[in-house]
């Protein structure tokens, strides 16, 4: 109604009663303005909550005290695959995995009784297409002013991907642990500085002579496993500081006290903040290879020393041989000079003396042979390159002069077959074996002289 003064409108309720005789009417007016304001505020709040319910990014549904769906938002429909109409009349247990359905039923019943606070549960739920998804399920009871149960709001947050990632990480961790423990190659985890073992596998413990990783870790607790005298610590720490990995020799102390030379590949494993958490590495036993390399290096040094010694001996022999050749040349030259300057002149003088025919013939023959010895042709035949014997040189001179095998046999006082044998050796040494070339022609080519008649 509108006040007479033209002010704000006032909401009222009118209640009228007529007297029995119908002559009077009793009217009662009640101001309900504040009540109307509260109703309007409640209506606005309800619309606000309905908008939040419908447009929430979380799947939300409302169920009664038995767990039957009353309504659900669009996100819930998208998550489960059921429409609003399909969900109405369904029970929440129908979309729960059998392992969790009973638990959800008991929790809602507890909420109805007021015994259980808001529910929080992680369990599989089943979509319309039959697929299973992992969800975080939360439920809160809605009560009236007297605390009576009206309904429960159930929200589902899909954690399927996170669960898959957790499982993948767990599987990877399990696989990595299995690989580490059962690998055939020695593997370890350690701190950087001080260098202490954190974890080793069976192959690593066997490498150092221990029966199990536990035996090794127990024996090496607080001990530095590296022999000071056999490990270049500076190179190791420099590599880890510069590159965060190391690849090189890695000597270790065995259980029996012996030193094992290993070849290691080590890298740093980092924490989320970027600091080094630990080192992980693999080790290969190269002790025998190292020993073999040392033996080979020793032999190589010895061989180099022997080679150097032999080179020195060879150089000395070459000098000696050169001196011998020089002396031989000088001796030969002196011999030939003596023949030409001393022997032959004496024969010339002797020929001027009274001689009979036989004596003169012998002197002429001696002169011819001596002259032949002093000739360049004989010098060629006696060279070390041809390697001819004295007899072969003698026969070669006669062949060059055109003598037959029979004539040569008479001159050198041997059989004709011996002459033929030496002729064959001459052909072989002069490169005419199995060829048709003339031995006489070749010998004349070597001498650059024509045939000479012997007296």
Protein backbone atom coordinates (compact mmCIF):
# COMPACT_ATOMS: atom_id res chain seq x y z
CA UNK A 1 0.00 0.00 0.00
CA UNK A 2 1.07 3.60 -0.52
CA UNK A 3 1.36 5.88 2.50
CA UNK A 4 -0.56 9.10 2.44
CA UNK A 5 2.55 11.19 2.57
CA UNK A 6 3.80 9.76 -0.76
CA UNK A 7 6.72 7.87 0.81
CA UNK A 8 8.00 4.37 0.05
CA UNK A 9 5.57 1.58 -0.48
CA UNK A 10 4.86 -0.76 2.41
CA UNK A 11 4.04 -4.42 2.00
CA UNK A 12 1.18 -5.55 4.18
CA UNK A 13 -1.08 -8.53 4.64
CA UNK A 14 -4.82 -8.01 5.13
CA UNK A 15 -7.00 -10.29 7.22
CA UNK A 16 -10.79 -9.44 7.44
CA UNK A 17 -13.64 -10.87 9.52
CA UNK A 18 -17.38 -10.01 9.03
CA UNK A 19 -19.74 -9.94 11.99
CA UNK A 20 -22.59 -12.38 12.21
CA UNK A 21 -25.19 -9.79 11.37
CA UNK A 22 -23.12 -8.63 8.45
CA UNK A 23 -23.09 -5.07 9.61
CA UNK A 24 -19.43 -4.88 10.71
CA UNK A 25 -16.12 -5.95 9.18
CA UNK A 26 -12.95 -6.34 11.21
CA UNK A 27 -9.76 -5.85 9.16
CA UNK A 28 -6.26 -6.55 10.41
CA UNK A 29 -3.26 -5.07 8.56
CA UNK A 30 0.29 -6.48 9.12
CA UNK A 31 3.49 -4.85 7.82
CA UNK A 32 5.57 -7.58 6.04
CA UNK A 33 8.04 -5.29 4.32
CA UNK A 34 11.09 -6.78 6.03
CA UNK A 35 9.86 -10.30 5.32
CA UNK A 36 9.53 -9.49 1.64
CA UNK A 37 13.05 -8.09 1.59
CA UNK A 38 14.37 -11.29 3.13
CA UNK A 39 12.46 -13.37 0.59
CA UNK A 40 13.92 -11.32 -2.24
CA UNK A 41 17.44 -11.65 -0.84
CA UNK A 42 16.93 -15.36 -0.39
CA UNK A 43 15.66 -15.67 -3.95
CA UNK A 44 18.71 -13.80 -5.28
CA UNK A 45 21.05 -15.94 -3.21
CA UNK A 46 19.31 -19.07 -4.47
CA UNK A 47 19.73 -17.94 -8.07
CA UNK A 48 23.37 -17.18 -7.36
CA UNK A 49 23.96 -20.65 -5.91
CA UNK A 50 22.07 -22.22 -8.81
CA UNK A 51 24.35 -20.36 -11.25
CA UNK A 52 27.42 -21.50 -9.35
CA UNK A 53 26.08 -25.06 -9.30
CA UNK A 54 25.33 -25.12 -13.02
CA UNK A 55 28.48 -23.39 -14.23
CA UNK A 56 31.04 -24.80 -11.82
CA UNK A 57 34.16 -26.29 -13.40
CA UNK A 58 33.89 -29.16 -10.94
CA UNK A 59 31.41 -32.02 -11.47
CA UNK A 60 28.67 -31.46 -8.82
CA UNK A 61 25.54 -33.44 -8.09
CA UNK A 62 22.87 -33.46 -5.38
CA UNK A 63 21.60 -36.72 -3.87
CA UNK A 64 18.95 -37.60 -1.31
CA UNK A 65 19.42 -39.56 1.88
CA UNK A 66 19.49 -42.87 -0.04
CA UNK A 67 22.07 -41.66 -2.55
CA UNK A 68 19.59 -41.13 -5.41
CA UNK A 69 20.51 -38.29 -7.76
CA UNK A 70 18.26 -35.22 -7.54
CA UNK A 71 20.15 -33.12 -10.05
CA UNK A 72 23.63 -32.69 -11.56
CA UNK A 73 25.48 -29.91 -13.36
CA UNK A 74 26.82 -29.90 -16.93
CA UNK A 75 30.35 -30.74 -15.83
CA UNK A 76 29.05 -33.84 -14.03
CA UNK A 77 27.21 -34.87 -17.20
CA UNK A 78 30.36 -34.38 -19.30
CA UNK A 79 32.52 -36.28 -16.83
CA UNK A 80 30.27 -39.33 -16.47
CA UNK A 81 28.62 -39.34 -19.89
CA UNK A 82 25.10 -39.42 -18.37
CA UNK A 83 22.49 -36.73 -19.10
CA UNK A 84 20.47 -34.94 -16.42
CA UNK A 85 17.43 -37.03 -17.28
CA UNK A 86 19.42 -40.30 -17.14
CA UNK A 87 20.89 -39.45 -13.76
CA UNK A 88 17.54 -38.69 -12.14
CA UNK A 89 16.42 -41.85 -10.44
CA UNK A 90 19.92 -43.41 -10.56
CA UNK A 91 21.81 -44.07 -7.35
CA UNK A 92 25.32 -42.74 -6.90
CA UNK A 93 26.47 -46.27 -6.10
CA UNK A 94 25.70 -47.21 -9.73
CA UNK A 95 28.54 -45.05 -11.00
CA UNK A 96 30.98 -46.13 -8.30
CA UNK A 97 33.44 -48.96 -8.62
CA UNK A 98 32.22 -51.98 -6.61
CA UNK A 99 35.16 -51.60 -4.24
CA UNK A 100 34.00 -48.11 -3.26
CA UNK A 101 30.20 -48.30 -3.62
CA UNK A 102 29.62 -49.75 -0.16
CA UNK A 103 31.91 -47.22 1.42
CA UNK A 104 30.03 -44.33 -0.23
CA UNK A 105 26.69 -45.76 0.97
CA UNK A 106 27.91 -45.94 4.57
CA UNK A 107 29.35 -42.44 4.42
CA UNK A 108 26.10 -40.87 3.16
CA UNK A 109 24.15 -42.82 5.79
CA UNK A 110 26.54 -41.45 8.41
CA UNK A 111 25.98 -37.93 7.11
CA UNK A 112 22.21 -38.43 7.33
CA UNK A 113 22.62 -39.44 10.97
CA UNK A 114 24.94 -36.52 11.54
CA UNK A 115 27.79 -38.82 12.56
CA UNK A 116 30.27 -38.10 9.72
CA UNK A 117 31.84 -34.80 8.75
CA UNK A 118 32.25 -33.92 5.06
CA UNK A 119 33.36 -36.98 3.06
CA UNK A 120 36.66 -37.11 1.23
CA UNK A 121 37.37 -40.26 -0.77
CA UNK A 122 39.65 -41.28 -3.65
CA UNK A 123 38.18 -44.10 -5.70
CA UNK A 124 37.39 -45.26 -9.21
CA UNK A 125 34.07 -44.22 -10.76
CA UNK A 126 32.51 -45.77 -13.87
CA UNK A 127 31.34 -43.71 -16.84
CA UNK A 128 28.39 -44.47 -19.08
CA UNK A 129 30.69 -46.03 -21.73
CA UNK A 130 32.10 -48.43 -19.12
CA UNK A 131 35.47 -46.73 -18.78
CA UNK A 132 36.97 -46.39 -15.32
CA UNK A 133 38.34 -43.10 -14.08
CA UNK A 134 40.01 -42.14 -10.86
CA UNK A 135 38.35 -39.38 -8.91
CA UNK A 136 38.59 -37.35 -5.76
CA UNK A 137 35.05 -37.54 -4.29
CA UNK A 138 33.83 -34.98 -1.75
CA UNK A 139 30.40 -34.82 -0.10
CA UNK A 140 28.80 -32.32 2.27
CA UNK A 141 25.35 -32.54 3.87
CA UNK A 142 22.73 -29.76 3.50
CA UNK A 143 20.58 -29.37 6.63
CA UNK A 144 17.53 -27.38 7.64
CA UNK A 145 17.37 -24.87 10.46
CA UNK A 146 16.87 -27.64 12.95
CA UNK A 147 19.84 -29.64 11.71
CA UNK A 148 17.76 -32.17 9.85
CA UNK A 149 19.23 -33.77 6.73
CA UNK A 150 17.87 -32.36 3.46
CA UNK A 151 20.33 -33.62 0.83
CA UNK A 152 24.02 -34.08 0.11
CA UNK A 153 26.12 -32.24 -2.44
CA UNK A 154 28.61 -34.63 -4.07
CA UNK A 155 31.54 -33.24 -6.10
CA UNK A 156 33.93 -35.30 -8.23
CA UNK A 157 37.36 -34.00 -9.26
CA UNK A 158 38.86 -36.11 -12.04
CA UNK A 159 42.33 -37.31 -11.04
CA UNK A 160 42.70 -39.93 -13.79
CA UNK A 161 45.61 -38.26 -15.53
CA UNK A 162 47.37 -37.58 -12.26
CA UNK A 163 46.81 -41.18 -11.21
CA UNK A 164 48.20 -42.38 -14.53
CA UNK A 165 51.24 -40.18 -14.07
CA UNK A 166 51.70 -41.45 -10.52
CA UNK A 167 51.45 -45.01 -11.78
CA UNK A 168 53.86 -44.29 -14.63
CA UNK A 169 56.31 -42.72 -12.19
CA UNK A 170 55.90 -45.64 -9.81
CA UNK A 171 56.37 -48.10 -12.67
CA UNK A 172 59.42 -46.20 -13.89
CA UNK A 173 60.83 -46.09 -10.39
CA UNK A 174 60.17 -49.81 -9.98
CA UNK A 175 61.67 -50.52 -13.39
CA UNK A 176 64.66 -48.33 -12.62
CA UNK A 177 65.13 -50.02 -9.26
CA UNK A 178 64.87 -53.46 -10.87
CA UNK A 179 67.29 -52.47 -13.62
CA UNK A 180 69.73 -51.02 -11.09
CA UNK A 181 69.61 -54.04 -8.81
CA UNK A 182 69.76 -56.71 -11.53
CA UNK A 183 72.04 -55.06 -14.08
CA UNK A 184 75.06 -57.09 -15.14
CA UNK A 185 77.25 -53.99 -15.08
CA UNK A 186 78.41 -52.45 -11.80
CA UNK A 187 76.30 -49.40 -10.83
CA UNK A 188 76.42 -47.06 -7.84
CA UNK A 189 75.12 -43.86 -6.26
CA UNK A 190 77.44 -41.72 -4.16
CA UNK A 191 77.93 -38.26 -2.71
CA UNK A 192 80.30 -35.82 -4.36
CA UNK A 193 82.34 -34.44 -1.49
CA UNK A 194 83.14 -36.22 0.66
CA UNK A 195 82.92 -39.11 -1.77
CA UNK A 196 80.83 -41.76 0.00
CA UNK A 197 78.76 -44.62 -1.39
CA UNK A 198 74.99 -44.30 -0.98
CA UNK A 199 73.80 -47.32 -2.91
CA UNK A 200 75.34 -50.09 -5.03
CA UNK A 201 73.98 -53.04 -7.00
CA UNK A 202 74.97 -56.70 -6.82
CA UNK A 203 77.35 -56.45 -9.78
CA UNK A 204 79.25 -53.64 -8.02
CA UNK A 205 79.57 -55.61 -4.78
CA UNK A 206 80.76 -58.72 -6.67
CA UNK A 207 83.27 -56.57 -8.51
CA UNK A 208 84.91 -55.68 -5.21
CA UNK A 209 84.69 -59.20 -3.78
CA UNK A 210 81.62 -58.84 -1.53
CA UNK A 211 78.71 -61.27 -1.40
CA UNK A 212 75.98 -58.64 -1.44
CA UNK A 213 75.44 -54.86 -1.60
CA UNK A 214 74.58 -54.91 2.11
CA UNK A 215 77.95 -56.48 2.95
CA UNK A 216 79.77 -53.86 0.92
CA UNK A 217 77.80 -50.92 2.35
CA UNK A 218 78.35 -52.22 5.89
CA UNK A 219 82.07 -52.71 5.33
CA UNK A 220 82.61 -49.38 3.55
CA UNK A 221 80.53 -47.17 5.87
CA UNK A 222 82.50 -44.01 6.49
CA UNK A 223 85.41 -45.24 4.36
CA UNK A 224 86.86 -43.70 1.23
CA UNK A 225 86.79 -46.50 -1.38
CA UNK A 226 89.47 -44.89 -3.53
CA UNK A 227 93.23 -45.49 -3.21
CA UNK A 228 94.99 -42.15 -2.89
CA UNK A 229 98.09 -43.21 -4.81
CA UNK A 230 96.21 -44.59 -7.81
CA UNK A 231 93.55 -41.94 -8.48
CA UNK A 232 93.78 -38.47 -9.95
CA UNK A 233 91.24 -36.74 -7.71
CA UNK A 234 91.93 -33.31 -9.19
CA UNK A 235 90.98 -34.47 -12.68
CA UNK A 236 87.78 -36.07 -11.35
CA UNK A 237 86.56 -33.05 -9.40
CA UNK A 238 87.56 -30.66 -12.20
CA UNK A 239 85.47 -32.67 -14.68
CA UNK A 240 82.46 -32.78 -12.34
CA UNK A 241 82.68 -29.04 -11.72
CA UNK A 242 83.05 -28.09 -15.40
CA UNK A 243 80.81 -30.66 -17.12
CA UNK A 244 78.88 -32.42 -14.33
CA UNK A 245 80.08 -35.74 -15.74
CA UNK A 246 83.28 -37.79 -15.71
CA UNK A 247 84.55 -40.51 -18.02
CA UNK A 248 87.87 -42.06 -17.13
CA UNK A 249 89.90 -44.34 -14.88
CA UNK A 250 88.31 -45.14 -11.54
CA UNK A 251 90.51 -47.25 -9.22
CA UNK A 252 88.84 -49.02 -6.29
CA UNK A 253 90.01 -51.00 -3.28
CA UNK A 254 88.83 -54.61 -3.29
CA UNK A 255 87.82 -56.54 -0.20
CA UNK A 256 91.17 -58.39 -0.23
CA UNK A 257 93.05 -55.07 -0.29
CA UNK A 258 94.00 -55.29 -3.96
CA UNK A 259 93.48 -52.37 -6.29
CA UNK A 260 91.00 -52.75 -9.13
CA UNK A 261 91.33 -50.40 -12.09
CA UNK A 262 87.89 -49.47 -13.37
CA UNK A 263 86.62 -47.46 -16.32
CA UNK A 264 83.76 -45.27 -15.03
CA UNK A 265 81.06 -43.04 -16.51
CA UNK A 266 79.61 -40.76 -13.81
CA UNK A 267 77.07 -37.93 -13.91
CA UNK A 268 75.48 -35.54 -11.44
CA UNK A 269 71.82 -35.92 -10.43
CA UNK A 270 70.24 -32.60 -9.44
CA UNK A 271 67.57 -31.53 -6.97
CA UNK A 272 64.66 -29.28 -8.10
CA UNK A 273 66.54 -26.25 -6.74
CA UNK A 274 69.50 -27.00 -9.02
CA UNK A 275 71.89 -28.27 -6.37
CA UNK A 276 73.55 -31.69 -6.71
CA UNK A 277 71.63 -34.44 -4.95
CA UNK A 278 74.02 -37.31 -5.68
CA UNK A 279 76.21 -38.93 -8.32
CA UNK A 280 75.31 -42.01 -10.30
CA UNK A 281 77.70 -44.06 -12.37
CA UNK A 282 78.70 -47.35 -13.92
CA UNK A 283 82.06 -49.09 -13.63
CA UNK A 284 83.77 -51.62 -15.90
CA UNK A 285 86.72 -53.69 -14.68
CA UNK A 286 89.67 -52.93 -16.98
CA UNK A 287 92.43 -54.17 -14.67
CA UNK A 288 93.62 -56.90 -17.05
CA UNK A 289 93.37 -54.54 -20.01
CA UNK A 290 95.45 -51.96 -18.14
CA UNK A 291 98.06 -54.56 -17.27
CA UNK A 292 98.17 -55.73 -20.88
CA UNK A 293 98.55 -52.10 -22.00
CA UNK A 294 101.40 -51.60 -19.54
CA UNK A 295 103.10 -54.78 -20.82
CA UNK A 296 102.65 -53.60 -24.41
CA UNK A 297 103.96 -50.15 -23.53
CA UNK A 298 106.98 -51.71 -21.83
CA UNK A 299 107.63 -53.94 -24.83
CA UNK A 300 107.19 -50.96 -27.13
CA UNK A 301 109.78 -48.99 -25.15
CA UNK A 302 112.14 -51.97 -25.25
CA UNK A 303 111.54 -52.37 -28.97
CA UNK A 304 112.21 -48.69 -29.53
CA UNK A 305 115.45 -48.98 -27.57
CA UNK A 306 116.46 -52.07 -29.56
CA UNK A 307 115.48 -50.37 -32.80
CA UNK A 308 117.56 -47.37 -31.88
CA UNK A 309 120.47 -49.65 -31.01
CA UNK A 310 120.08 -51.55 -34.29
CA UNK A 311 119.91 -48.28 -36.19
CA UNK A 312 123.17 -47.24 -34.57
CA UNK A 313 124.73 -50.63 -35.43
CA UNK A 314 123.36 -50.36 -38.97
CA UNK A 315 124.82 -46.89 -39.35
CA UNK A 316 128.17 -48.16 -38.07
CA UNK A 317 128.06 -51.14 -40.46
CA UNK A 318 127.21 -48.85 -43.37
CA UNK A 319 130.21 -46.69 -42.53
CA UNK A 320 132.38 -49.80 -42.21
CA UNK A 321 131.05 -51.26 -45.48
CA UNK A 322 131.58 -47.98 -47.23
CA UNK A 323 135.15 -47.89 -45.96
CA UNK A 324 135.65 -51.52 -47.04
CA UNK A 325 134.26 -50.77 -50.50
CA UNK A 326 136.46 -47.75 -50.72
CA UNK A 327 139.48 -49.79 -49.63
CA UNK A 328 138.51 -52.54 -52.10
CA UNK A 329 138.26 -50.01 -54.90
CA UNK A 330 141.60 -48.53 -53.94
CA UNK A 331 143.17 -52.02 -53.76
CA UNK A 332 141.69 -52.99 -57.12
CA UNK A 333 142.86 -49.75 -58.64
CA UNK A 334 146.38 -50.25 -57.28
CA UNK A 335 146.35 -53.85 -58.57
CA UNK A 336 145.31 -52.76 -62.05
CA UNK A 337 147.83 -49.91 -62.04
CA UNK A 338 150.59 -52.36 -61.07
CA UNK A 339 149.59 -54.64 -63.95
CA UNK A 340 149.57 -51.81 -66.47
CA UNK A 341 152.60 -49.92 -65.19
CA UNK A 342 154.86 -52.67 -63.86
CA UNK A 343 153.91 -56.14 -65.14
CA UNK A 344 152.97 -55.35 -68.75
CA UNK A 345 156.08 -53.15 -69.36
CA UNK A 346 158.26 -56.03 -68.11
CA UNK A 347 156.61 -58.40 -70.58
CA UNK A 348 157.24 -55.87 -73.36
CA UNK A 349 160.91 -55.77 -72.41
CA UNK A 350 161.01 -59.57 -72.19
CA UNK A 351 159.58 -59.87 -75.72
CA UNK A 352 162.54 -57.85 -77.01
CA UNK A 353 164.98 -60.46 -75.78
CA UNK A 354 165.90 -63.52 -77.86
CA UNK A 355 163.00 -66.01 -77.46
CA UNK A 356 162.01 -69.19 -79.23
CA UNK A 357 158.56 -69.51 -80.73
CA UNK A 358 157.01 -71.33 -77.75
CA UNK A 359 158.34 -68.80 -75.26
CA UNK A 360 157.08 -65.91 -77.37
CA UNK A 361 153.63 -67.52 -77.59
CA UNK A 362 153.41 -67.94 -73.82
CA UNK A 363 154.48 -64.33 -73.26
CA UNK A 364 151.87 -63.11 -75.75
CA UNK A 365 149.17 -65.15 -73.97
CA UNK A 366 150.23 -63.83 -70.57
CA UNK A 367 150.20 -60.29 -71.91
CA UNK A 368 146.73 -60.77 -73.39
CA UNK A 369 145.27 -62.24 -70.17
CA UNK A 370 146.78 -59.53 -68.01
CA UNK A 371 145.50 -56.89 -70.37
CA UNK A 372 142.06 -58.53 -70.22
CA UNK A 373 142.10 -58.49 -66.41
CA UNK A 374 142.80 -54.79 -66.45
CA UNK A 375 139.94 -54.13 -68.91
CA UNK A 376 136.62 -52.44 -67.83
CA UNK A 377 134.71 -55.51 -69.09
CA UNK A 378 136.23 -57.81 -66.48
CA UNK A 379 135.65 -55.20 -63.82
CA UNK A 380 131.93 -55.23 -64.70
CA UNK A 381 131.79 -59.02 -64.54
CA UNK A 382 133.45 -59.12 -61.14
CA UNK A 383 131.01 -56.63 -59.60
CA UNK A 384 128.97 -57.82 -56.61
CA UNK A 385 125.76 -57.13 -58.54
CA UNK A 386 126.33 -60.04 -60.98
CA UNK A 387 127.84 -62.34 -58.33
CA UNK A 388 129.91 -64.34 -60.89
CA UNK A 389 132.50 -66.90 -59.83
CA UNK A 390 136.11 -66.71 -61.04
CA UNK A 391 135.52 -69.61 -63.42
CA UNK A 392 132.37 -67.93 -64.81
CA UNK A 393 134.31 -64.68 -65.38
CA UNK A 394 137.04 -66.60 -67.21
CA UNK A 395 134.53 -68.42 -69.43
CA UNK A 396 132.52 -65.18 -70.04
CA UNK A 397 135.65 -63.50 -71.46
CA UNK A 398 136.25 -66.44 -73.84
CA UNK A 399 132.57 -66.55 -74.92
CA UNK A 400 132.68 -62.84 -75.67
CA UNK A 401 135.74 -63.48 -77.88
CA UNK A 402 133.71 -65.98 -79.91
CA UNK A 403 135.27 -69.20 -78.62
CA UNK A 404 133.23 -72.39 -78.84
CA UNK A 405 132.56 -74.60 -75.83
CA UNK A 406 135.11 -77.13 -77.12
CA UNK A 407 137.77 -74.44 -77.56
CA UNK A 408 137.05 -73.00 -74.13
CA UNK A 409 137.31 -76.49 -72.57
CA UNK A 410 140.81 -76.91 -74.04
CA UNK A 411 141.92 -73.44 -72.93
CA UNK A 412 140.72 -73.65 -69.31
CA UNK A 413 141.44 -77.38 -69.07
CA UNK A 414 137.89 -78.58 -68.17
CA UNK A 415 135.34 -80.84 -69.87
CA UNK A 416 132.91 -79.51 -72.47
CA UNK A 417 129.94 -80.38 -70.18
CA UNK A 418 131.47 -78.20 -67.46
CA UNK A 419 131.74 -75.34 -69.94
CA UNK A 420 128.07 -75.82 -70.96
CA UNK A 421 127.05 -75.81 -67.28
CA UNK A 422 128.87 -72.52 -66.66
CA UNK A 423 127.39 -71.02 -69.83
CA UNK A 424 123.92 -71.88 -68.44
CA UNK A 425 124.70 -70.19 -65.12
CA UNK A 426 125.92 -67.12 -67.02
CA UNK A 427 122.64 -66.93 -68.97
CA UNK A 428 120.69 -67.22 -65.71
CA UNK A 429 122.66 -64.50 -63.88
CA UNK A 430 122.63 -62.19 -66.90
CA UNK A 431 118.85 -62.55 -67.36
CA UNK A 432 118.83 -64.73 -70.50
CA UNK A 433 117.42 -67.91 -68.97
CA UNK A 434 114.60 -69.41 -71.08
CA UNK A 435 115.23 -66.72 -73.72
CA UNK A 436 116.63 -66.91 -77.25
CA UNK A 437 119.05 -64.01 -76.88
CA UNK A 438 122.72 -64.58 -77.72
CA UNK A 439 125.08 -64.75 -74.75
CA UNK A 440 127.97 -63.64 -76.96
CA UNK A 441 126.08 -60.53 -78.14
CA UNK A 442 125.15 -59.57 -74.57
CA UNK A 443 128.73 -59.96 -73.35
CA UNK A 444 130.04 -57.86 -76.24
CA UNK A 445 127.45 -55.18 -75.39
CA UNK A 446 128.72 -55.12 -71.81
CA UNK A 447 132.33 -54.72 -72.93
CA UNK A 448 131.62 -52.27 -75.77
CA UNK A 449 134.46 -54.08 -77.58
CA UNK A 450 134.68 -56.35 -80.56
CA UNK A 451 136.08 -59.90 -80.44
CA UNK A 452 139.70 -60.19 -79.57
CA UNK A 453 141.98 -62.79 -81.01
CA UNK A 454 144.14 -64.66 -78.54
CA UNK A 455 147.52 -65.83 -79.72
